[in-house]
Amino acid sequence: MTPPALQLSAITKRFGAVAANDGVDFELRRGEIHALLGENGAGKSTLMNIVYGMLTPDAGEIRVGGEPVTIGSPRQAMKLGIGMVFQHFMLVDVMTVAENVVLGAEPTKGALLDSRAAVARVRELAGRHGLSVDPDAVVEDITVGQQQRVEILRALDRGADILVLDEPTAVLTAQETAELMTVLRGLRDKGTSIVFISHKLSEVRAIADRVTVLRRGRTVGTVEVAGPNPPDEAELARLMVGRDVLLRVEKAACRPAAPLLDVRDLEADDDRGLRAVDGVSFDVRGGEIVAIAGVDGNGQRELVEAVCDLRAPVAGKVTVGGKDVTGRGARHARDCGLGHIAEDRQRSGLVLDFTLSENLALRDVDRRTRFGLLSPRRMLARATDLLAEFDVRGGGPQAAARSLSGGNQQKVVIAREIAAGPRVLVAAQPTRGLDVGAIEFVHRRLVAERDAGRAILLLSLELDEVRNLADRILVIFEGRIVGELPPTATEEQLGLLMLGGGGATSARASAA
């Protein structure tokens, strides 16, 4: 009988008093896609970091191809044929695709890099595995989906026949996700064994042959997905969370009041100096959720940054509660009642080397002072309450933000912004990287904030989230609002506008 490609037995890893992995068992067969599912902080990334040699287990055994091994570093893992693609890519932005792929194993001509040989090697590898990418392109100039392909190519270039993907679709558009699924099936069919870590149940059911579920660091069970009786999403969610999870948003009809956020003729440039937001006008009233829908890269990021005064607008005006916040700085916007759940929690949402209590106090540090000095006691007390209220796992108030899983980092950002009680809340990708239980919680909180009279501006690439949460949907294309639709609009109607079809007039007529 052919031994499994990878077998983990009773893997245990503790960080102080916290057991990230507690006797975990996992088996990856040859030529299968095996999904690893669990809540934020369930131990998925820790387990795979052990497999890749980033962490050392406290107990347990690892077998590769049936042979017991000790993996002390990523270099050892690569020698054993194990490659890993992290959720946050490890690429050198200013280098080309080919240079990134061959980095550390460069073909040389004398003492210099043989660029022509590197490009040829990457082009052949990409063609063989159906990973279309330009070897000569500079990484910072290509899309996120293409950057992920570069990471996969780098692992394959090292001879990986076991590929670990940590939240591979977290930052991808729907089209990029579909393309990735095709690539992964092709790799599987050629014999590559793939571990697919994800929170997205629909993707797991679409791509995986089997699913292993972790809950609070322990193995709950392994189920066949590709068999005759595959589990539905509700069953998988129940295994993850240990209870029934509501996979749809329940909310009463909105009761909008006066506009709290007003954006008029806003224009803003991207980092290259090109126009990314082109004459955008809209308002968000108190007691409603307005969602901006669009294909990634159509000005959403620049729009959010201009509204939150993190990017200087070229023209236009933004008011919060009737107060002009245009070009006056993010602090002024915050003082006028604007809250912002940042799209990138690590770069914009948190100071990773600060403790959780320090991060949670960033918005209202003046309230955590006594006689002009910071009061650690007040900060700790507030943080303790918020970590419990928002179910943040992986560390207490004194833990560094970087020590938490991505999903729990996101919860910290959401807790800080909602707890500040803003009049207007800009939520950019608020559930990115969250598990189904956490998504359910965040959706309920956003609806509760709406019902309390807040104005919510939602930006999400998840159409289901947009349609479930929004009271109105504005579609953005090439930096312009091209239409307004009700949440009852079909995916086809939304998709047509998102790709530039139709127009504002026809869209408003459809909404009517």
Protein backbone atom coordinates (compact mmCIF):
# COMPACT_ATOMS: atom_id res chain seq x y z
CA MET A 1 0.00 0.00 0.00
CA THR A 2 1.35 3.44 -0.96
CA PRO A 3 2.15 5.48 2.17
CA PRO A 4 0.57 8.94 2.60
CA ALA A 5 2.50 11.89 1.21
CA LEU A 6 2.37 13.50 4.67
CA GLN A 7 1.26 12.14 8.02
CA LEU A 8 1.10 14.01 11.32
CA SER A 9 0.49 12.14 14.57
CA ALA A 10 -0.34 13.72 17.94
CA ILE A 11 1.30 17.05 17.06
CA THR A 12 1.37 19.38 20.07
CA LYS A 13 2.59 22.96 20.20
CA ARG A 14 2.19 25.36 23.11
CA PHE A 15 2.86 29.06 23.43
CA GLY A 16 3.01 29.59 27.19
CA ALA A 17 -0.31 28.41 28.61
CA VAL A 18 -2.00 28.41 25.18
CA ALA A 19 -2.13 25.08 23.30
CA ALA A 20 -2.19 26.06 19.64
CA ASN A 21 -2.08 22.38 18.62
CA ASP A 22 -3.16 19.71 21.07
CA GLY A 23 -2.50 16.18 19.81
CA VAL A 24 -3.44 16.92 16.18
CA ASP A 25 -3.63 14.08 13.64
CA PHE A 26 -3.61 14.79 9.90
CA GLU A 27 -3.03 12.71 6.78
CA LEU A 28 -2.43 13.93 3.22
CA ARG A 29 -2.71 11.33 0.48
CA ARG A 30 -0.72 11.46 -2.73
CA GLY A 31 -2.43 13.42 -5.47
CA GLU A 32 -5.26 14.88 -3.39
CA ILE A 33 -6.44 18.31 -2.31
CA HIS A 34 -7.04 18.15 1.41
CA ALA A 35 -8.69 21.18 3.01
CA LEU A 36 -7.81 22.22 6.55
CA LEU A 37 -10.77 24.01 8.08
CA GLY A 38 -11.27 25.74 11.40
CA GLU A 39 -12.10 28.95 13.22
CA ASN A 40 -9.62 31.80 13.54
CA GLY A 41 -7.04 30.65 16.07
CA ALA A 42 -7.96 26.96 15.70
CA GLY A 43 -4.31 26.09 15.00
CA LYS A 44 -4.31 25.60 11.22
CA SER A 45 -1.43 27.94 10.36
CA THR A 46 0.56 26.78 13.39
CA LEU A 47 0.24 23.18 12.23
CA MET A 48 1.43 23.98 8.72
CA ASN A 49 4.24 26.20 10.00
CA ILE A 50 5.45 23.10 11.85
CA VAL A 51 5.29 21.11 8.61
CA TYR A 52 7.31 23.81 6.84
CA GLY A 53 9.93 24.03 9.58
CA MET A 54 8.98 27.51 10.79
CA LEU A 55 8.07 26.09 14.21
CA THR A 56 9.21 23.06 16.18
CA PRO A 57 6.53 20.84 17.76
CA ASP A 58 6.67 20.11 21.47
CA ALA A 59 5.49 16.55 20.82
CA GLY A 60 4.30 14.29 18.02
CA GLU A 61 5.63 12.69 14.86
CA ILE A 62 5.90 13.83 11.23
CA ARG A 63 6.21 11.32 8.37
CA VAL A 64 6.90 12.22 4.74
CA GLY A 65 6.38 9.38 2.27
CA GLY A 66 6.06 7.00 5.23
CA GLU A 67 9.45 7.91 6.72
CA PRO A 68 9.72 9.73 10.08
CA VAL A 69 11.42 13.12 9.69
CA THR A 70 12.50 16.09 11.77
CA ILE A 71 11.97 19.40 10.01
CA GLY A 72 14.04 22.14 11.59
CA SER A 73 13.87 24.82 8.89
CA PRO A 74 12.13 25.74 5.62
CA ARG A 75 15.30 24.65 3.79
CA GLN A 76 14.89 21.14 5.21
CA ALA A 77 11.20 21.18 4.30
CA MET A 78 12.04 22.12 0.70
CA LYS A 79 14.60 19.29 0.53
CA LEU A 80 11.78 16.94 1.53
CA GLY A 81 9.60 18.29 -1.30
CA ILE A 82 7.39 20.54 0.85
CA GLY A 83 6.54 24.05 -0.39
CA MET A 84 4.35 26.66 1.29
CA VAL A 85 2.57 29.73 -0.02
CA PHE A 86 1.79 32.12 2.84
CA GLN A 87 -1.28 34.31 3.13
CA HIS A 88 0.98 37.38 3.05
CA PHE A 89 3.32 36.84 0.12
CA MET A 90 7.10 36.67 0.57
CA LEU A 91 8.13 38.35 -2.67
CA VAL A 92 10.66 41.09 -3.45
CA ASP A 93 8.51 43.75 -5.11
CA VAL A 94 11.27 45.45 -7.09
CA MET A 95 12.53 42.21 -8.65
CA THR A 96 11.12 40.48 -11.72
CA VAL A 97 8.98 37.36 -11.66
CA ALA A 98 11.89 35.22 -12.87
CA GLU A 99 14.28 36.69 -10.30
CA ASN A 100 11.82 35.94 -7.49
CA VAL A 101 11.20 32.37 -8.64
CA VAL A 102 14.89 31.41 -8.88
CA LEU A 103 15.97 33.43 -5.79
CA GLY A 104 18.28 31.22 -3.76
CA ALA A 105 18.74 28.73 -6.61
CA GLU A 106 19.83 31.05 -9.39
CA PRO A 107 21.34 29.84 -12.66
CA THR A 108 24.68 31.58 -13.10
CA LYS A 109 27.07 32.48 -15.86
CA GLY A 110 30.39 32.80 -14.14
CA ALA A 111 29.74 34.80 -10.97
CA LEU A 112 26.64 36.55 -12.35
CA LEU A 113 22.97 35.67 -12.64
CA ASP A 114 22.16 34.14 -16.01
CA SER A 115 18.97 36.17 -16.60
CA ARG A 116 18.20 34.50 -19.93
CA ALA A 117 18.40 31.02 -18.38
CA ALA A 118 16.24 32.15 -15.43
CA VAL A 119 13.54 33.51 -17.75
CA ALA A 120 13.60 30.34 -19.88
CA ARG A 121 13.37 28.14 -16.77
CA VAL A 122 10.41 30.05 -15.39
CA ARG A 123 8.63 30.19 -18.75
CA GLU A 124 8.96 26.40 -19.18
CA LEU A 125 7.77 25.73 -15.61
CA ALA A 126 4.81 28.10 -15.98
CA GLY A 127 3.79 26.53 -19.28
CA ARG A 128 4.06 23.01 -17.91
CA HIS A 129 1.72 23.75 -15.00
CA GLY A 130 -0.64 26.21 -16.71
CA LEU A 131 0.46 29.16 -14.54
CA SER A 132 0.34 32.05 -16.99
CA VAL A 133 2.65 34.86 -15.87
CA ASP A 134 5.25 37.06 -17.58
CA PRO A 135 8.76 36.14 -16.32
CA ASP A 136 10.08 39.61 -17.23
CA ALA A 137 7.37 41.56 -15.33
CA VAL A 138 8.30 43.38 -12.13
CA VAL A 139 6.36 41.93 -9.18
CA GLU A 140 5.03 45.27 -7.91
CA ASP A 141 3.43 45.85 -11.33
CA ILE A 142 1.41 42.63 -11.52
CA THR A 143 -1.92 41.71 -9.89
CA VAL A 144 -2.27 39.94 -6.56
CA GLY A 145 -3.47 36.79 -8.34
CA GLN A 146 -0.36 36.79 -10.52
CA GLN A 147 1.84 37.33 -7.46
CA GLN A 148 0.31 34.22 -5.94
CA ARG A 149 1.20 32.29 -9.08
CA VAL A 150 4.78 33.44 -8.64
CA GLU A 151 4.79 32.03 -5.10
CA ILE A 152 3.45 28.69 -6.37
CA LEU A 153 6.02 28.64 -9.18
CA ARG A 154 8.81 29.26 -6.68
CA ALA A 155 7.69 26.25 -4.63
CA LEU A 156 7.42 24.07 -7.74
CA ASP A 157 10.83 25.26 -8.93
CA ARG A 158 12.29 23.81 -5.72
CA GLY A 159 10.75 20.44 -6.55
CA ALA A 160 7.76 20.57 -4.21
CA ASP A 161 5.35 17.67 -4.53
CA ILE A 162 3.57 18.68 -1.31
CA LEU A 163 2.12 22.19 -1.56
CA VAL A 164 0.63 24.06 1.41
CA LEU A 165 -1.59 27.06 0.60
CA ASP A 166 -2.51 29.27 3.59
CA GLU A 167 -5.74 31.19 2.87
CA PRO A 168 -4.91 31.34 -0.85
CA THR A 169 -8.09 33.15 -1.93
CA ALA A 170 -8.25 35.76 0.84
CA VAL A 171 -7.07 38.59 -1.43
CA LEU A 172 -8.23 37.29 -4.81
CA THR A 173 -11.11 38.43 -6.97
CA ALA A 174 -13.78 35.91 -8.00
CA GLN A 175 -12.17 35.50 -11.42
CA GLU A 176 -8.70 35.01 -9.92
CA THR A 177 -10.14 32.46 -7.47
CA ALA A 178 -11.70 30.49 -10.31
CA GLU A 179 -8.38 30.54 -12.19
CA LEU A 180 -6.54 29.34 -9.07
CA MET A 181 -8.98 26.44 -8.66
CA THR A 182 -8.26 25.34 -12.24
CA VAL A 183 -4.52 25.49 -11.58
CA LEU A 184 -4.81 23.47 -8.35
CA ARG A 185 -6.88 20.75 -10.01
CA GLY A 186 -4.26 20.53 -12.75
CA LEU A 187 -1.46 20.18 -10.18
CA ARG A 188 -3.41 17.52 -8.30
CA ASP A 189 -4.04 15.55 -11.48
CA LYS A 190 -0.28 15.56 -12.12
CA GLY A 191 0.38 14.05 -8.69
CA THR A 192 0.96 17.07 -6.44
CA SER A 193 -0.51 16.74 -2.93
CA ILE A 194 -2.10 19.98 -1.75
CA VAL A 195 -3.12 21.27 1.68
CA PHE A 196 -5.73 24.00 1.21
CA ILE A 197 -6.30 26.19 4.30
CA SER A 198 -9.46 28.26 4.00
CA HIS A 199 -12.46 29.71 5.81
CA LYS A 200 -14.66 29.78 2.70
CA LEU A 201 -16.95 26.78 2.85
CA SER A 202 -18.18 27.05 -0.73
CA GLU A 203 -14.59 26.93 -2.00
CA VAL A 204 -13.71 23.99 0.21
CA ARG A 205 -16.67 22.02 -1.10
CA ALA A 206 -15.76 22.95 -4.69
CA ILE A 207 -12.05 22.06 -4.59
CA ALA A 208 -11.31 19.56 -1.81
CA ASP A 209 -11.28 15.76 -1.91
CA ARG A 210 -11.29 15.57 1.88
CA VAL A 211 -11.61 18.04 4.76
CA THR A 212 -10.05 17.89 8.21
CA VAL A 213 -11.58 20.22 10.80
CA LEU A 214 -9.67 21.70 13.74
CA ARG A 215 -11.39 23.29 16.71
CA ARG A 216 -9.45 25.02 19.48
CA GLY A 217 -6.26 23.21 18.54
CA ARG A 218 -7.71 19.69 18.31
CA THR A 219 -8.77 17.47 15.43
CA VAL A 220 -12.56 17.25 15.26
CA GLY A 221 -12.65 14.83 12.33
CA THR A 222 -12.01 14.22 8.65
CA VAL A 223 -14.83 13.95 6.11
CA GLU A 224 -14.97 12.99 2.43
CA VAL A 225 -16.06 15.87 0.22
CA ALA A 226 -15.65 14.22 -3.17
CA GLY A 227 -17.70 11.16 -2.15
CA PRO A 228 -21.36 10.32 -2.88
CA ASN A 229 -22.71 12.12 0.22
CA PRO A 230 -20.65 15.30 0.64
CA PRO A 231 -21.35 17.50 3.69
CA ASP A 232 -23.20 20.74 3.02
CA GLU A 233 -21.97 24.12 4.22
CA ALA A 234 -24.13 24.02 7.34
CA GLU A 235 -22.58 20.70 8.40
CA LEU A 236 -19.04 21.99 7.87
CA ALA A 237 -19.84 25.17 9.79
CA ARG A 238 -21.23 23.11 12.66
CA LEU A 239 -18.03 21.03 12.78
CA MET A 240 -15.91 24.20 12.82
CA VAL A 241 -17.80 26.14 15.46
CA GLY A 242 -19.50 23.41 17.48
CA ARG A 243 -22.95 24.92 17.02
CA ASP A 244 -25.40 25.83 14.28
CA VAL A 245 -24.28 28.92 12.36
CA LEU A 246 -26.63 31.29 10.56
CA LEU A 247 -25.19 31.53 7.04
CA ARG A 248 -27.47 34.39 6.00
CA VAL A 249 -27.98 37.87 7.42
CA GLU A 250 -31.25 38.56 9.21
CA LYS A 251 -32.18 42.22 9.36
CA ALA A 252 -35.25 44.39 9.45
CA ALA A 253 -35.97 46.99 6.82
CA CYS A 254 -33.79 50.04 7.25
CA ARG A 255 -35.17 53.33 8.52
CA PRO A 256 -32.82 55.92 7.01
CA ALA A 257 -32.50 59.37 8.53
CA ALA A 258 -30.54 62.40 7.33
CA PRO A 259 -27.26 61.89 5.46
CA LEU A 260 -24.24 61.57 7.77
CA LEU A 261 -21.64 61.02 5.05
CA ASP A 262 -21.74 63.18 1.95
CA VAL A 263 -19.25 62.82 -0.90
CA ARG A 264 -19.40 65.35 -3.74
CA ASP A 265 -17.45 65.31 -7.02
CA LEU A 266 -14.52 63.52 -5.39
CA GLU A 267 -11.40 62.99 -7.47
CA ALA A 268 -8.21 61.24 -6.35
CA ASP A 269 -5.08 59.84 -7.99
CA ASP A 270 -3.41 56.50 -7.34
CA ASP A 271 0.22 56.06 -6.28
CA ARG A 272 1.35 56.44 -9.89
CA GLY A 273 -0.36 59.81 -10.27
CA LEU A 274 -3.13 58.39 -12.48
CA ARG A 275 -6.76 59.29 -11.87
CA ALA A 276 -8.34 56.47 -9.82
CA VAL A 277 -11.46 58.21 -8.47
CA ASP A 278 -13.18 60.31 -11.11
CA GLY A 279 -15.97 62.65 -10.00
CA VAL A 280 -17.65 60.35 -7.47
CA SER A 281 -20.74 61.62 -5.63
CA PHE A 282 -22.97 59.77 -3.15
CA ASP A 283 -24.31 60.00 0.38
CA VAL A 284 -24.92 57.54 3.21
CA ARG A 285 -27.76 58.25 5.58
CA GLY A 286 -27.93 57.39 9.23
CA GLY A 287 -29.53 53.98 9.70
CA GLU A 288 -28.49 52.47 6.38
CA ILE A 289 -25.69 50.38 4.88
CA VAL A 290 -24.49 51.47 1.46
CA ALA A 291 -22.15 49.03 -0.29
CA ILE A 292 -19.65 49.80 -3.04
CA ALA A 293 -19.38 46.82 -5.40
CA GLY A 294 -16.83 46.41 -8.17
CA VAL A 295 -14.03 44.33 -9.59
CA ASP A 296 -10.87 44.88 -7.57
CA GLY A 297 -8.67 47.68 -8.89
CA ASN A 298 -11.42 50.05 -10.04
CA GLY A 299 -10.65 52.78 -7.51
CA GLN A 300 -12.10 51.27 -4.33
CA ARG A 301 -8.92 51.58 -2.27
CA GLU A 302 -8.28 55.15 -3.37
CA LEU A 303 -11.93 56.06 -2.71
CA VAL A 304 -11.77 54.77 0.86
CA GLU A 305 -8.47 56.52 1.52
CA ALA A 306 -9.79 59.82 0.13
CA VAL A 307 -12.99 59.59 2.20
CA CYS A 308 -10.98 58.80 5.35
CA ASP A 309 -8.44 61.53 4.49
CA LEU A 310 -5.59 59.06 4.21
CA ARG A 311 -5.07 60.22 0.61
CA ALA A 312 -5.24 63.84 -0.46
CA PRO A 313 -8.08 64.33 -2.97
CA VAL A 314 -7.44 66.25 -6.18
CA ALA A 315 -10.91 67.79 -6.07
CA GLY A 316 -14.27 67.39 -4.38
CA LYS A 317 -15.61 67.54 -0.85
CA VAL A 318 -16.30 65.05 1.96
CA THR A 319 -18.48 65.93 4.95
CA VAL A 320 -19.19 63.86 8.06
CA GLY A 321 -22.23 64.92 10.06
CA GLY A 322 -22.24 68.21 8.18
CA LYS A 323 -18.57 68.96 8.99
CA ASP A 324 -16.07 69.34 6.17
CA VAL A 325 -13.23 66.82 6.61
CA THR A 326 -11.66 67.23 3.16
CA GLY A 327 -7.88 67.40 3.30
CA ARG A 328 -7.76 68.09 7.04
CA GLY A 329 -6.14 64.84 8.13
CA ALA A 330 -7.34 61.50 9.43
CA ARG A 331 -7.34 62.72 13.05
CA HIS A 332 -9.79 65.51 12.21
CA ALA A 333 -12.03 63.04 10.35
CA ARG A 334 -11.94 60.74 13.36
CA ASP A 335 -12.80 63.60 15.73
CA CYS A 336 -15.77 64.43 13.50
CA GLY A 337 -17.10 60.89 13.98
CA LEU A 338 -15.55 58.80 11.20
CA GLY A 339 -14.49 55.20 11.90
CA HIS A 340 -12.44 53.10 9.51
CA ILE A 341 -12.01 49.32 9.38
CA ALA A 342 -8.89 49.18 7.19
CA GLU A 343 -8.65 46.80 4.25
CA ASP A 344 -5.09 45.75 5.18
CA ARG A 345 -5.06 44.97 8.88
CA GLN A 346 -1.29 44.51 9.04
CA ARG A 347 -0.20 47.64 7.17
CA SER A 348 -2.99 50.06 8.06
CA GLY A 349 -5.12 48.58 10.83
CA LEU A 350 -2.60 47.64 13.51
CA VAL A 351 0.84 48.42 14.87
CA LEU A 352 2.05 44.82 14.93
CA ASP A 353 4.74 45.34 17.58
CA PHE A 354 2.28 47.05 19.96
CA THR A 355 0.30 45.01 22.48
CA LEU A 356 -3.40 44.41 21.97
CA SER A 357 -4.26 46.89 24.73
CA GLU A 358 -2.12 49.55 23.01
CA ASN A 359 -3.72 48.85 19.61
CA LEU A 360 -7.20 49.01 21.10
CA ALA A 361 -6.41 52.40 22.64
CA LEU A 362 -5.08 54.01 19.44
CA ARG A 363 -8.34 55.77 18.54
CA ASP A 364 -9.00 57.27 21.95
CA VAL A 365 -5.63 57.34 23.67
CA ASP A 366 -6.53 60.67 25.29
CA ARG A 367 -9.30 58.91 27.22
CA ARG A 368 -6.83 56.36 28.61
CA THR A 369 -4.68 59.03 30.27
CA ARG A 370 -4.45 60.36 33.78
CA PHE A 371 -2.89 63.77 34.42
CA GLY A 372 -1.61 63.74 30.85
CA LEU A 373 0.06 60.32 31.18
CA LEU A 374 -1.08 56.99 29.74
CA SER A 375 -2.94 54.86 32.25
CA PRO A 376 -1.97 51.19 31.65
CA ARG A 377 -4.66 50.12 34.13
CA ARG A 378 -7.42 51.78 32.11
CA MET A 379 -6.03 50.45 28.84
CA LEU A 380 -5.83 46.90 30.19
CA ALA A 381 -9.34 47.02 31.63
CA ARG A 382 -10.79 48.30 28.36
CA ALA A 383 -8.85 45.78 26.30
CA THR A 384 -9.93 42.87 28.51
CA ASP A 385 -13.59 43.77 27.97
CA LEU A 386 -13.25 44.22 24.21
CA LEU A 387 -11.26 41.00 23.66
CA ALA A 388 -14.00 39.09 25.44
CA GLU A 389 -16.85 40.90 23.67
CA PHE A 390 -15.37 40.29 20.20
CA ASP A 391 -14.08 36.78 21.01
CA VAL A 392 -10.46 37.54 20.16
CA ARG A 393 -8.36 34.40 20.71
CA GLY A 394 -4.65 33.70 20.87
CA GLY A 395 -3.48 36.10 23.56
CA GLY A 396 -4.45 38.51 26.31
CA PRO A 397 -4.18 42.30 26.45
CA GLN A 398 -0.39 42.14 26.86
CA ALA A 399 0.18 39.94 23.78
CA ALA A 400 1.79 41.53 20.72
CA ALA A 401 -0.61 42.03 17.81
CA ARG A 402 1.71 40.16 15.43
CA SER A 403 1.39 36.99 17.56
CA LEU A 404 -2.31 36.56 16.64
CA SER A 405 -3.70 34.80 13.61
CA GLY A 406 -4.84 37.03 10.74
CA GLY A 407 -8.52 36.56 11.58
CA ASN A 408 -8.02 37.51 15.22
CA GLN A 409 -6.00 40.56 14.18
CA GLN A 410 -9.02 41.57 12.08
CA LYS A 411 -11.28 41.19 15.11
CA VAL A 412 -9.06 43.58 17.07
CA VAL A 413 -9.39 46.24 14.35
CA ILE A 414 -13.17 45.79 14.21
CA ALA A 415 -13.46 45.91 18.01
CA ARG A 416 -11.52 49.18 18.24
CA GLU A 417 -13.45 50.94 15.48
CA ILE A 418 -16.94 49.86 16.54
CA ALA A 419 -16.28 50.46 20.25
CA ALA A 420 -15.37 54.08 19.49
CA GLY A 421 -19.02 54.69 18.53
CA PRO A 422 -18.46 56.55 15.23
CA ARG A 423 -21.34 58.31 13.48
CA VAL A 424 -20.01 57.04 10.13
CA LEU A 425 -18.24 53.69 9.80
CA VAL A 426 -16.26 52.91 6.65
CA ALA A 427 -15.82 49.11 6.55
CA ALA A 428 -13.35 47.94 3.88
CA GLN A 429 -13.28 44.15 3.49
CA PRO A 430 -14.43 43.76 7.14
CA THR A 431 -14.66 39.95 7.07
CA ARG A 432 -11.56 39.16 5.00
CA GLY A 433 -9.85 36.15 6.56
CA LEU A 434 -12.60 35.49 9.10
CA ASP A 435 -14.23 32.12 9.74
CA VAL A 436 -17.98 31.56 9.40
CA GLY A 437 -18.67 32.07 13.10
CA ALA A 438 -16.76 35.36 13.16
CA ILE A 439 -18.39 36.50 9.91
CA GLU A 440 -21.81 35.85 11.43
CA PHE A 441 -20.81 37.94 14.47
CA VAL A 442 -19.42 40.84 12.41
CA HIS A 443 -22.49 40.93 10.17
CA ARG A 444 -24.76 41.11 13.21
CA ARG A 445 -22.69 43.93 14.69
CA LEU A 446 -22.76 45.95 11.47
CA VAL A 447 -26.53 45.56 11.26
CA ALA A 448 -26.82 46.53 14.94
CA GLU A 449 -24.74 49.65 14.28
CA ARG A 450 -27.01 50.49 11.36
CA ASP A 451 -30.09 50.02 13.54
CA ALA A 452 -28.53 52.31 16.15
CA GLY A 453 -28.50 55.11 13.57
CA ARG A 454 -24.94 54.86 12.26
CA ALA A 455 -24.15 55.37 8.58
CA ILE A 456 -22.22 52.37 7.22
CA LEU A 457 -20.18 52.50 4.00
CA LEU A 458 -19.24 48.93 3.08
CA LEU A 459 -16.63 47.93 0.51
CA SER A 460 -16.40 44.22 -0.19
CA LEU A 461 -15.34 41.96 -3.03
CA GLU A 462 -17.74 39.28 -1.75
CA LEU A 463 -20.99 39.69 -3.70
CA ASP A 464 -22.92 37.54 -1.23
CA GLU A 465 -21.81 39.84 1.59
CA VAL A 466 -22.74 42.93 -0.41
CA ARG A 467 -26.19 41.62 -1.23
CA ASN A 468 -26.86 40.33 2.30
CA LEU A 469 -25.81 43.48 4.17
CA ALA A 470 -26.53 46.41 1.86
CA ASP A 471 -29.64 48.55 1.79
CA ARG A 472 -28.31 50.17 -1.39
CA ILE A 473 -25.54 49.03 -3.74
CA LEU A 474 -23.40 51.46 -5.73
CA VAL A 475 -21.32 49.93 -8.51
CA ILE A 476 -17.90 51.39 -9.29
CA PHE A 477 -16.12 50.95 -12.61
CA GLU A 478 -12.89 52.66 -13.64
CA GLY A 479 -13.20 55.13 -10.77
CA ARG A 480 -16.79 56.17 -11.45
CA ILE A 481 -20.11 55.21 -9.90
CA VAL A 482 -21.91 53.68 -12.88
CA GLY A 483 -25.13 52.59 -11.24
CA GLU A 484 -27.23 52.04 -8.15
CA LEU A 485 -29.02 48.75 -7.49
CA PRO A 486 -31.14 47.32 -4.68
CA PRO A 487 -29.86 44.32 -2.69
CA THR A 488 -32.39 42.14 -4.53
CA ALA A 489 -30.43 42.63 -7.78
CA THR A 490 -29.17 39.44 -9.35
CA GLU A 491 -25.51 38.57 -9.71
CA GLU A 492 -25.96 38.97 -13.45
CA GLN A 493 -27.20 42.56 -13.04
CA LEU A 494 -24.34 43.38 -10.69
CA GLY A 495 -21.78 41.62 -12.85
CA LEU A 496 -22.87 43.51 -15.99
CA LEU A 497 -22.34 46.87 -14.30
CA MET A 498 -19.11 45.79 -12.61
CA LEU A 499 -17.63 44.98 -16.01
CA GLY A 500 -18.73 48.29 -17.49
CA GLY A 501 -21.89 47.10 -19.24
CA GLY A 502 -25.07 49.17 -19.18
CA GLY A 503 -25.01 52.60 -17.62
CA ALA A 504 -26.11 54.67 -14.70
CA THR A 505 -29.46 55.47 -16.26
CA SER A 506 -30.41 51.89 -17.02
CA ALA A 507 -29.16 50.77 -13.62
CA ARG A 508 -31.33 53.27 -11.78
CA ALA A 509 -34.27 52.25 -13.93
CA SER A 510 -33.70 48.62 -12.97
CA ALA A 511 -33.53 49.59 -9.31
CA ALA A 512 -36.82 51.46 -9.64
